[in-house]
Amino acid sequence: MFGDNFYKKVEKKTKVNKDTILGLAKKLQNSNMKDEKTIREVIHEISNLTGKDVTKEKEDKIVSSIIKDKVPKNIDKMF
């Protein structure tokens, strides 16, 4: 789906390697991304992986966006 260039850009920006990204993607495929608890767990996991803090307000916005299907379809354009 994504080329190595995409993963290199993500790793450079987040310090998270390709294998970790693919492992997380596999986990997400098997998750219910309409379940608020699951989404919050994923947000916390990504926050821990990247070392970036997510405020409660930002977490709430992310959860709301995912549940309402307002996530960009072309994620590769974000990096």
PDB file of N, CA and C in Angstrom:
ATOM      1  N   MET A   1       0.834  -1.191   0.000  1.00  0.00           N
ATOM      2  CA  MET A   1       0.000   0.000   0.000  1.00  0.00           C
ATOM      3  C   MET A   1       0.876   1.251   0.000  1.00  0.00           C
ATOM      4  N   PHE A   2       1.787   1.352   0.959  1.00  0.00           N
ATOM      5  CA  PHE A   2       2.698   2.485   1.032  1.00  0.00           C
ATOM      6  C   PHE A   2       4.097   2.008   0.690  1.00  0.00           C
ATOM      7  N   GLY A   3       4.872   2.871   0.047  1.00  0.00           N
ATOM      8  CA  GLY A   3       6.240   2.527  -0.297  1.00  0.00           C
ATOM      9  C   GLY A   3       7.196   2.815   0.847  1.00  0.00           C
ATOM     10  N   ASP A   4       8.433   2.358   0.680  1.00  0.00           N
ATOM     11  CA  ASP A   4       9.448   2.571   1.709  1.00  0.00           C
ATOM     12  C   ASP A   4       9.680   4.046   1.990  1.00  0.00           C
ATOM     13  N   ASN A   5       9.513   4.891   0.978  1.00  0.00           N
ATOM     14  CA  ASN A   5       9.699   6.331   1.167  1.00  0.00           C
ATOM     15  C   ASN A   5       8.722   6.880   2.200  1.00  0.00           C
ATOM     16  N   PHE A   6       7.481   6.392   2.163  1.00  0.00           N
ATOM     17  CA  PHE A   6       6.478   6.812   3.136  1.00  0.00           C
ATOM     18  C   PHE A   6       6.926   6.447   4.554  1.00  0.00           C
ATOM     19  N   TYR A   7       7.364   5.201   4.727  1.00  0.00           N
ATOM     20  CA  TYR A   7       7.777   4.739   6.054  1.00  0.00           C
ATOM     21  C   TYR A   7       9.005   5.502   6.554  1.00  0.00           C
ATOM     22  N   LYS A   8       9.897   5.845   5.650  1.00  0.00           N
ATOM     23  CA  LYS A   8      11.082   6.624   6.038  1.00  0.00           C
ATOM     24  C   LYS A   8      10.675   8.012   6.530  1.00  0.00           C
ATOM     25  N   LYS A   9       9.710   8.614   5.841  1.00  0.00           N
ATOM     26  CA  LYS A   9       9.235   9.931   6.267  1.00  0.00           C
ATOM     27  C   LYS A   9       8.578   9.856   7.642  1.00  0.00           C
ATOM     28  N   VAL A  10       7.760   8.828   7.848  1.00  0.00           N
ATOM     29  CA  VAL A  10       7.079   8.659   9.134  1.00  0.00           C
ATOM     30  C   VAL A  10       8.106   8.409  10.229  1.00  0.00           C
ATOM     31  N   GLU A  11       9.071   7.533   9.962  1.00  0.00           N
ATOM     32  CA  GLU A  11      10.088   7.227  10.972  1.00  0.00           C
ATOM     33  C   GLU A  11      10.905   8.463  11.324  1.00  0.00           C
ATOM     34  N   LYS A  12      11.257   9.247  10.319  1.00  0.00           N
ATOM     35  CA  LYS A  12      12.020  10.472  10.564  1.00  0.00           C
ATOM     36  C   LYS A  12      11.237  11.440  11.449  1.00  0.00           C
ATOM     37  N   LYS A  13       9.952  11.530  11.185  1.00  0.00           N
ATOM     38  CA  LYS A  13       9.116  12.481  11.917  1.00  0.00           C
ATOM     39  C   LYS A  13       8.724  11.981  13.309  1.00  0.00           C
ATOM     40  N   THR A  14       8.517  10.662  13.443  1.00  0.00           N
ATOM     41  CA  THR A  14       7.970  10.128  14.694  1.00  0.00           C
ATOM     42  C   THR A  14       8.939   9.263  15.490  1.00  0.00           C
ATOM     43  N   LYS A  15      10.037   8.824  14.844  1.00  0.00           N
ATOM     44  CA  LYS A  15      11.002   7.901  15.461  1.00  0.00           C
ATOM     45  C   LYS A  15      10.408   6.507  15.673  1.00  0.00           C
ATOM     46  N   VAL A  16       9.357   6.170  14.937  1.00  0.00           N
ATOM     47  CA  VAL A  16       8.720   4.856  15.004  1.00  0.00           C
ATOM     48  C   VAL A  16       9.072   4.120  13.720  1.00  0.00           C
ATOM     49  N   ASN A  17       9.639   2.901  13.854  1.00  0.00           N
ATOM     50  CA  ASN A  17      10.105   2.194  12.674  1.00  0.00           C
ATOM     51  C   ASN A  17       8.983   1.467  11.924  1.00  0.00           C
ATOM     52  N   LYS A  18       9.321   1.028  10.714  1.00  0.00           N
ATOM     53  CA  LYS A  18       8.357   0.399   9.817  1.00  0.00           C
ATOM     54  C   LYS A  18       7.705  -0.829  10.443  1.00  0.00           C
ATOM     55  N   ASP A  19       8.499  -1.687  11.099  1.00  0.00           N
ATOM     56  CA  ASP A  19       7.941  -2.903  11.697  1.00  0.00           C
ATOM     57  C   ASP A  19       6.917  -2.585  12.775  1.00  0.00           C
ATOM     58  N   THR A  20       7.181  -1.561  13.558  1.00  0.00           N
ATOM     59  CA  THR A  20       6.238  -1.145  14.594  1.00  0.00           C
ATOM     60  C   THR A  20       4.956  -0.609  13.965  1.00  0.00           C
ATOM     61  N   ILE A  21       5.115   0.164  12.908  1.00  0.00           N
ATOM     62  CA  ILE A  21       3.952   0.716  12.195  1.00  0.00           C
ATOM     63  C   ILE A  21       3.097  -0.417  11.620  1.00  0.00           C
ATOM     64  N   LEU A  22       3.747  -1.383  10.988  1.00  0.00           N
ATOM     65  CA  LEU A  22       3.005  -2.496  10.399  1.00  0.00           C
ATOM     66  C   LEU A  22       2.332  -3.353  11.469  1.00  0.00           C
ATOM     67  N   GLY A  23       2.994  -3.532  12.609  1.00  0.00           N
ATOM     68  CA  GLY A  23       2.392  -4.279  13.712  1.00  0.00           C
ATOM     69  C   GLY A  23       1.157  -3.579  14.245  1.00  0.00           C
ATOM     70  N   LEU A  24       1.253  -2.266  14.385  1.00  0.00           N
ATOM     71  CA  LEU A  24       0.107  -1.490  14.852  1.00  0.00           C
ATOM     72  C   LEU A  24      -1.028  -1.540  13.827  1.00  0.00           C
ATOM     73  N   ALA A  25      -0.681  -1.451  12.544  1.00  0.00           N
ATOM     74  CA  ALA A  25      -1.705  -1.518  11.491  1.00  0.00           C
ATOM     75  C   ALA A  25      -2.433  -2.855  11.529  1.00  0.00           C
ATOM     76  N   LYS A  26      -1.699  -3.925  11.729  1.00  0.00           N
ATOM     77  CA  LYS A  26      -2.317  -5.249  11.805  1.00  0.00           C
ATOM     78  C   LYS A  26      -3.274  -5.320  13.000  1.00  0.00           C
ATOM     79  N   LYS A  27      -2.839  -4.764  14.116  1.00  0.00           N
ATOM     80  CA  LYS A  27      -3.692  -4.743  15.310  1.00  0.00           C
ATOM     81  C   LYS A  27      -4.963  -3.933  15.043  1.00  0.00           C
ATOM     82  N   LEU A  28      -4.823  -2.815  14.340  1.00  0.00           N
ATOM     83  CA  LEU A  28      -5.968  -1.963  14.042  1.00  0.00           C
ATOM     84  C   LEU A  28      -6.963  -2.662  13.123  1.00  0.00           C
ATOM     85  N   GLN A  29      -6.468  -3.470  12.207  1.00  0.00           N
ATOM     86  CA  GLN A  29      -7.357  -4.190  11.289  1.00  0.00           C
ATOM     87  C   GLN A  29      -8.285  -5.130  12.039  1.00  0.00           C
ATOM     88  N   ASN A  30      -7.818  -5.627  13.173  1.00  0.00           N
ATOM     89  CA  ASN A  30      -8.609  -6.574  13.955  1.00  0.00           C
ATOM     90  C   ASN A  30      -9.386  -5.898  15.083  1.00  0.00           C
ATOM     91  N   SER A  31      -9.392  -4.571  15.098  1.00  0.00           N
ATOM     92  CA  SER A  31     -10.049  -3.825  16.172  1.00  0.00           C
ATOM     93  C   SER A  31     -11.348  -3.195  15.688  1.00  0.00           C
ATOM     94  N   ASN A  32     -12.216  -2.926  16.641  1.00  0.00           N
ATOM     95  CA  ASN A  32     -13.460  -2.217  16.352  1.00  0.00           C
ATOM     96  C   ASN A  32     -13.189  -0.722  16.498  1.00  0.00           C
ATOM     97  N   MET A  33     -12.993  -0.051  15.380  1.00  0.00           N
ATOM     98  CA  MET A  33     -12.651   1.369  15.429  1.00  0.00           C
ATOM     99  C   MET A  33     -13.881   2.269  15.545  1.00  0.00           C
ATOM    100  N   LYS A  34     -14.997   1.679  15.924  1.00  0.00           N
ATOM    101  CA  LYS A  34     -16.185   2.467  16.272  1.00  0.00           C
ATOM    102  C   LYS A  34     -16.422   2.413  17.775  1.00  0.00           C
ATOM    103  N   ASP A  35     -15.568   1.677  18.464  1.00  0.00           N
ATOM    104  CA  ASP A  35     -15.661   1.537  19.913  1.00  0.00           C
ATOM    105  C   ASP A  35     -14.740   2.564  20.568  1.00  0.00           C
ATOM    106  N   GLU A  36     -15.313   3.456  21.342  1.00  0.00           N
ATOM    107  CA  GLU A  36     -14.560   4.549  21.952  1.00  0.00           C
ATOM    108  C   GLU A  36     -13.405   4.047  22.804  1.00  0.00           C
ATOM    109  N   LYS A  37     -13.632   2.999  23.587  1.00  0.00           N
ATOM    110  CA  LYS A  37     -12.571   2.464  24.447  1.00  0.00           C
ATOM    111  C   LYS A  37     -11.384   1.974  23.612  1.00  0.00           C
ATOM    112  N   THR A  38     -11.665   1.283  22.537  1.00  0.00           N
ATOM    113  CA  THR A  38     -10.613   0.783  21.653  1.00  0.00           C
ATOM    114  C   THR A  38      -9.821   1.940  21.045  1.00  0.00           C
ATOM    115  N   ILE A  39     -10.516   2.944  20.585  1.00  0.00           N
ATOM    116  CA  ILE A  39      -9.858   4.106  19.981  1.00  0.00           C
ATOM    117  C   ILE A  39      -8.947   4.788  20.995  1.00  0.00           C
ATOM    118  N   ARG A  40      -9.426   4.957  22.207  1.00  0.00           N
ATOM    119  CA  ARG A  40      -8.598   5.598  23.243  1.00  0.00           C
ATOM    120  C   ARG A  40      -7.360   4.761  23.559  1.00  0.00           C
ATOM    121  N   GLU A  41      -7.511   3.436  23.570  1.00  0.00           N
ATOM    122  CA  GLU A  41      -6.355   2.567  23.804  1.00  0.00           C
ATOM    123  C   GLU A  41      -5.318   2.735  22.695  1.00  0.00           C
ATOM    124  N   VAL A  42      -5.781   2.826  21.462  1.00  0.00           N
ATOM    125  CA  VAL A  42      -4.881   3.017  20.322  1.00  0.00           C
ATOM    126  C   VAL A  42      -4.180   4.367  20.424  1.00  0.00           C
ATOM    127  N   ILE A  43      -4.909   5.402  20.775  1.00  0.00           N
ATOM    128  CA  ILE A  43      -4.320   6.740  20.935  1.00  0.00           C
ATOM    129  C   ILE A  43      -3.222   6.697  21.991  1.00  0.00           C
ATOM    130  N   HIS A  44      -3.474   6.041  23.106  1.00  0.00           N
ATOM    131  CA  HIS A  44      -2.472   5.952  24.179  1.00  0.00           C
ATOM    132  C   HIS A  44      -1.255   5.166  23.712  1.00  0.00           C
ATOM    133  N   GLU A  45      -1.485   4.088  22.966  1.00  0.00           N
ATOM    134  CA  GLU A  45      -0.370   3.287  22.466  1.00  0.00           C
ATOM    135  C   GLU A  45       0.499   4.104  21.508  1.00  0.00           C
ATOM    136  N   ILE A  46      -0.133   4.818  20.604  1.00  0.00           N
ATOM    137  CA  ILE A  46       0.618   5.651  19.660  1.00  0.00           C
ATOM    138  C   ILE A  46       1.347   6.768  20.401  1.00  0.00           C
ATOM    139  N   SER A  47       0.698   7.349  21.376  1.00  0.00           N
ATOM    140  CA  SER A  47       1.320   8.393  22.181  1.00  0.00           C
ATOM    141  C   SER A  47       2.579   7.860  22.867  1.00  0.00           C
ATOM    142  N   ASN A  48       2.481   6.673  23.425  1.00  0.00           N
ATOM    143  CA  ASN A  48       3.634   6.073  24.091  1.00  0.00           C
ATOM    144  C   ASN A  48       4.750   5.749  23.099  1.00  0.00           C
ATOM    145  N   LEU A  49       4.387   5.231  21.927  1.00  0.00           N
ATOM    146  CA  LEU A  49       5.379   4.887  20.909  1.00  0.00           C
ATOM    147  C   LEU A  49       6.157   6.105  20.433  1.00  0.00           C
ATOM    148  N   THR A  50       5.451   7.208  20.276  1.00  0.00           N
ATOM    149  CA  THR A  50       6.061   8.411  19.717  1.00  0.00           C
ATOM    150  C   THR A  50       6.637   9.341  20.770  1.00  0.00           C
ATOM    151  N   GLY A  51       6.275   9.110  22.029  1.00  0.00           N
ATOM    152  CA  GLY A  51       6.746  10.001  23.090  1.00  0.00           C
ATOM    153  C   GLY A  51       6.054  11.353  23.073  1.00  0.00           C
ATOM    154  N   LYS A  52       4.915  11.401  22.430  1.00  0.00           N
ATOM    155  CA  LYS A  52       4.149  12.661  22.340  1.00  0.00           C
ATOM    156  C   LYS A  52       2.945  12.589  23.269  1.00  0.00           C
ATOM    157  N   ASP A  53       2.786  13.622  24.071  1.00  0.00           N
ATOM    158  CA  ASP A  53       1.626  13.686  24.954  1.00  0.00           C
ATOM    159  C   ASP A  53       0.395  14.134  24.170  1.00  0.00           C
ATOM    160  N   VAL A  54      -0.735  13.553  24.509  1.00  0.00           N
ATOM    161  CA  VAL A  54      -2.010  13.931  23.897  1.00  0.00           C
ATOM    162  C   VAL A  54      -2.912  14.422  25.020  1.00  0.00           C
ATOM    163  N   THR A  55      -3.336  15.672  24.907  1.00  0.00           N
ATOM    164  CA  THR A  55      -4.215  16.227  25.930  1.00  0.00           C
ATOM    165  C   THR A  55      -5.573  15.545  25.861  1.00  0.00           C
ATOM    166  N   LYS A  56      -6.320  15.621  26.934  1.00  0.00           N
ATOM    167  CA  LYS A  56      -7.670  15.052  26.982  1.00  0.00           C
ATOM    168  C   LYS A  56      -8.537  15.671  25.885  1.00  0.00           C
ATOM    169  N   GLU A  57      -8.398  16.976  25.691  1.00  0.00           N
ATOM    170  CA  GLU A  57      -9.182  17.679  24.672  1.00  0.00           C
ATOM    171  C   GLU A  57      -8.846  17.151  23.275  1.00  0.00           C
ATOM    172  N   LYS A  58      -7.564  16.993  22.976  1.00  0.00           N
ATOM    173  CA  LYS A  58      -7.156  16.492  21.672  1.00  0.00           C
ATOM    174  C   LYS A  58      -7.599  15.043  21.488  1.00  0.00           C
ATOM    175  N   GLU A  59      -7.480  14.245  22.550  1.00  0.00           N
ATOM    176  CA  GLU A  59      -7.928  12.854  22.490  1.00  0.00           C
ATOM    177  C   GLU A  59      -9.419  12.794  22.168  1.00  0.00           C
ATOM    178  N   ASP A  60     -10.207  13.630  22.831  1.00  0.00           N
ATOM    179  CA  ASP A  60     -11.649  13.658  22.576  1.00  0.00           C
ATOM    180  C   ASP A  60     -11.954  14.019  21.120  1.00  0.00           C
ATOM    181  N   LYS A  61     -11.200  14.972  20.562  1.00  0.00           N
ATOM    182  CA  LYS A  61     -11.399  15.375  19.162  1.00  0.00           C
ATOM    183  C   LYS A  61     -11.040  14.233  18.213  1.00  0.00           C
ATOM    184  N   ILE A  62      -9.956  13.537  18.506  1.00  0.00           N
ATOM    185  CA  ILE A  62      -9.543  12.412  17.669  1.00  0.00           C
ATOM    186  C   ILE A  62     -10.607  11.326  17.694  1.00  0.00           C
ATOM    187  N   VAL A  63     -11.072  10.983  18.894  1.00  0.00           N
ATOM    188  CA  VAL A  63     -12.100   9.951  19.044  1.00  0.00           C
ATOM    189  C   VAL A  63     -13.351  10.337  18.261  1.00  0.00           C
ATOM    190  N   SER A  64     -13.776  11.557  18.418  1.00  0.00           N
ATOM    191  CA  SER A  64     -14.974  12.033  17.723  1.00  0.00           C
ATOM    192  C   SER A  64     -14.797  11.962  16.205  1.00  0.00           C
ATOM    193  N   SER A  65     -13.651  12.381  15.715  1.00  0.00           N
ATOM    194  CA  SER A  65     -13.387  12.350  14.275  1.00  0.00           C
ATOM    195  C   SER A  65     -13.420  10.935  13.724  1.00  0.00           C
ATOM    196  N   ILE A  66     -12.822   9.997  14.452  1.00  0.00           N
ATOM    197  CA  ILE A  66     -12.784   8.607  13.987  1.00  0.00           C
ATOM    198  C   ILE A  66     -14.187   8.006  13.987  1.00  0.00           C
ATOM    199  N   ILE A  67     -14.921   8.209  15.050  1.00  0.00           N
ATOM    200  CA  ILE A  67     -16.268   7.647  15.149  1.00  0.00           C
ATOM    201  C   ILE A  67     -17.187   8.218  14.066  1.00  0.00           C
ATOM    202  N   LYS A  68     -16.995   9.494  13.723  1.00  0.00           N
ATOM    203  CA  LYS A  68     -17.839  10.140  12.712  1.00  0.00           C
ATOM    204  C   LYS A  68     -17.274  10.006  11.291  1.00  0.00           C
ATOM    205  N   ASP A  69     -16.243   9.155  11.118  1.00  0.00           N
ATOM    206  CA  ASP A  69     -15.610   8.926   9.804  1.00  0.00           C
ATOM    207  C   ASP A  69     -15.086  10.210   9.172  1.00  0.00           C
ATOM    208  N   LYS A  70     -14.482  11.065   9.969  1.00  0.00           N
ATOM    209  CA  LYS A  70     -13.935  12.318   9.454  1.00  0.00           C
ATOM    210  C   LYS A  70     -12.407  12.273   9.401  1.00  0.00           C
ATOM    211  N   VAL A  71     -11.860  11.089   9.182  1.00  0.00           N
ATOM    212  CA  VAL A  71     -10.416  10.914   9.076  1.00  0.00           C
ATOM    213  C   VAL A  71     -10.040  10.993   7.604  1.00  0.00           C
ATOM    214  N   PRO A  72      -8.975  11.745   7.261  1.00  0.00           N
ATOM    215  CA  PRO A  72      -8.577  11.836   5.854  1.00  0.00           C
ATOM    216  C   PRO A  72      -8.275  10.457   5.271  1.00  0.00           C
ATOM    217  N   LYS A  73      -8.694  10.238   4.048  1.00  0.00           N
ATOM    218  CA  LYS A  73      -8.468   8.952   3.379  1.00  0.00           C
ATOM    219  C   LYS A  73      -7.044   8.843   2.829  1.00  0.00           C
ATOM    220  N   ASN A  74      -6.410   9.980   2.559  1.00  0.00           N
ATOM    221  CA  ASN A  74      -5.065   9.976   1.987  1.00  0.00           C
ATOM    222  C   ASN A  74      -4.026  10.339   3.057  1.00  0.00           C
ATOM    223  N   ILE A  75      -3.850   9.450   4.002  1.00  0.00           N
ATOM    224  CA  ILE A  75      -2.944   9.676   5.127  1.00  0.00           C
ATOM    225  C   ILE A  75      -1.517   9.926   4.657  1.00  0.00           C
ATOM    226  N   ASP A  76      -1.103   9.311   3.562  1.00  0.00           N
ATOM    227  CA  ASP A  76       0.272   9.485   3.077  1.00  0.00           C
ATOM    228  C   ASP A  76       0.581  10.949   2.732  1.00  0.00           C
ATOM    229  N   LYS A  77      -0.440  11.751   2.463  1.00  0.00           N
ATOM    230  CA  LYS A  77      -0.237  13.171   2.150  1.00  0.00           C
ATOM    231  C   LYS A  77       0.058  13.993   3.408  1.00  0.00           C
ATOM    232  N   MET A  78      -0.148  13.409   4.594  1.00  0.00           N
ATOM    233  CA  MET A  78       0.068  14.136   5.842  1.00  0.00           C
ATOM    234  C   MET A  78       1.558  14.222   6.196  1.00  0.00           C
ATOM    235  N   PHE A  79       2.396  13.405   5.554  1.00  0.00           N
ATOM    236  CA  PHE A  79       3.815  13.357   5.923  1.00  0.00           C
ATOM    237  C   PHE A  79       4.685  13.878   4.829  1.00  0.00           C
TER     238      PHE A  79
END
